[in-house]
Amino acid sequence: MNDVDKRLKKKALDPTLEVTIRVGKSGLTESLISELDSQLKSRKLVKVKVNRGLSNDSTDRLQLWQMLADNTSSNLIVTRGNIAVFHRK
């Protein structure tokens, strides 16, 4: 892992980074994908939180995060519980 990756991960784990997108009961929708895409154009890091009842295990959440990353051409920097942080170069 190079220095840039370490700095990004450190920023992503910072508790002051606010959650700006929530995945609600509707799940992964086209509007949610476009909102993440839009935020990634204007911000370096975007923190996303999924409602607890939506995904019961870590495998489901990881699949959700990967689909979001694939659909927005972004990198999944870190996941912790029901929160993930995305970055686009």
Protein backbone atom coordinates (compact mmCIF):
# COMPACT_ATOMS: atom_id res chain seq x y z
CA MET A 1 0.00 0.00 0.00
CA ASN A 2 1.55 3.31 -1.01
CA ASP A 3 1.42 6.62 0.89
CA VAL A 4 -1.60 7.91 -1.01
CA ASP A 5 -3.58 4.80 -0.14
CA LYS A 6 -2.60 5.12 3.53
CA ARG A 7 -3.63 8.79 3.62
CA LEU A 8 -6.97 8.03 1.96
CA LYS A 9 -7.67 5.20 4.38
CA LYS A 10 -6.77 7.42 7.34
CA LYS A 11 -9.13 10.14 6.08
CA ALA A 12 -11.85 7.57 5.42
CA LEU A 13 -11.64 6.27 9.00
CA ASP A 14 -11.83 9.79 10.45
CA PRO A 15 -15.02 9.99 12.56
CA THR A 16 -15.56 13.62 11.54
CA LEU A 17 -16.27 12.54 7.95
CA GLU A 18 -20.05 12.86 7.69
CA VAL A 19 -22.39 10.28 6.18
CA THR A 20 -23.82 11.99 3.11
CA ILE A 21 -25.80 9.11 1.56
CA ARG A 22 -28.09 6.58 3.21
CA VAL A 23 -29.32 3.38 1.62
CA GLY A 24 -32.91 3.08 2.85
CA LYS A 25 -35.67 0.54 2.54
CA SER A 26 -35.81 1.02 -1.25
CA GLY A 27 -32.33 -0.44 -1.46
CA LEU A 28 -29.99 0.21 -4.36
CA THR A 29 -31.90 2.50 -6.73
CA GLU A 30 -30.90 4.40 -9.84
CA SER A 31 -31.31 7.72 -7.99
CA LEU A 32 -28.98 6.54 -5.21
CA ILE A 33 -26.34 5.55 -7.77
CA SER A 34 -26.63 8.89 -9.56
CA GLU A 35 -26.40 10.77 -6.23
CA LEU A 36 -23.21 8.91 -5.29
CA ASP A 37 -21.82 9.57 -8.76
CA SER A 38 -22.63 13.26 -8.44
CA GLN A 39 -21.05 13.55 -4.98
CA LEU A 40 -17.91 11.75 -6.13
CA LYS A 41 -17.46 14.41 -8.82
CA SER A 42 -17.41 17.19 -6.24
CA ARG A 43 -15.91 15.46 -3.17
CA LYS A 44 -12.81 13.39 -2.61
CA LEU A 45 -14.46 10.90 -0.23
CA VAL A 46 -18.12 9.97 0.17
CA LYS A 47 -19.40 8.07 3.19
CA VAL A 48 -22.45 5.84 2.70
CA LYS A 49 -24.51 4.12 5.36
CA VAL A 50 -26.99 1.28 4.87
CA ASN A 51 -29.95 0.87 7.22
CA ARG A 52 -29.39 -2.07 9.55
CA GLY A 53 -32.56 -3.93 8.59
CA LEU A 54 -31.71 -3.86 4.89
CA SER A 55 -28.78 -6.28 4.99
CA ASN A 56 -28.43 -8.90 7.66
CA ASP A 57 -24.91 -10.15 7.11
CA SER A 58 -21.54 -8.83 5.98
CA THR A 59 -21.65 -10.76 2.71
CA ASP A 60 -24.82 -8.93 1.60
CA ARG A 61 -23.31 -5.58 2.56
CA LEU A 62 -20.06 -6.30 0.74
CA GLN A 63 -22.01 -7.20 -2.41
CA LEU A 64 -23.98 -3.95 -2.09
CA TRP A 65 -20.78 -1.90 -1.68
CA GLN A 66 -19.17 -3.64 -4.66
CA MET A 67 -22.21 -2.99 -6.85
CA LEU A 68 -22.15 0.69 -5.87
CA ALA A 69 -18.43 0.93 -6.62
CA ASP A 70 -18.85 -0.82 -9.98
CA ASN A 71 -21.82 1.33 -11.03
CA THR A 72 -20.05 4.59 -10.16
CA SER A 73 -16.53 3.67 -11.32
CA SER A 74 -15.22 4.36 -7.83
CA ASN A 75 -12.96 2.63 -5.33
CA LEU A 76 -14.21 1.15 -2.11
CA ILE A 77 -11.68 2.51 0.40
CA VAL A 78 -12.94 1.06 3.67
CA THR A 79 -15.96 -0.73 5.11
CA ARG A 80 -16.88 -0.98 8.76
CA GLY A 81 -20.18 -2.53 9.74
CA ASN A 82 -22.94 -0.81 7.82
CA ILE A 83 -20.75 2.10 6.62
CA ALA A 84 -18.52 2.33 3.54
CA VAL A 85 -16.34 5.09 2.11
CA PHE A 86 -15.87 5.57 -1.64
CA HIS A 87 -13.24 7.48 -3.63
CA ARG A 88 -12.80 8.30 -7.28
CA LYS A 89 -9.54 9.41 -8.85
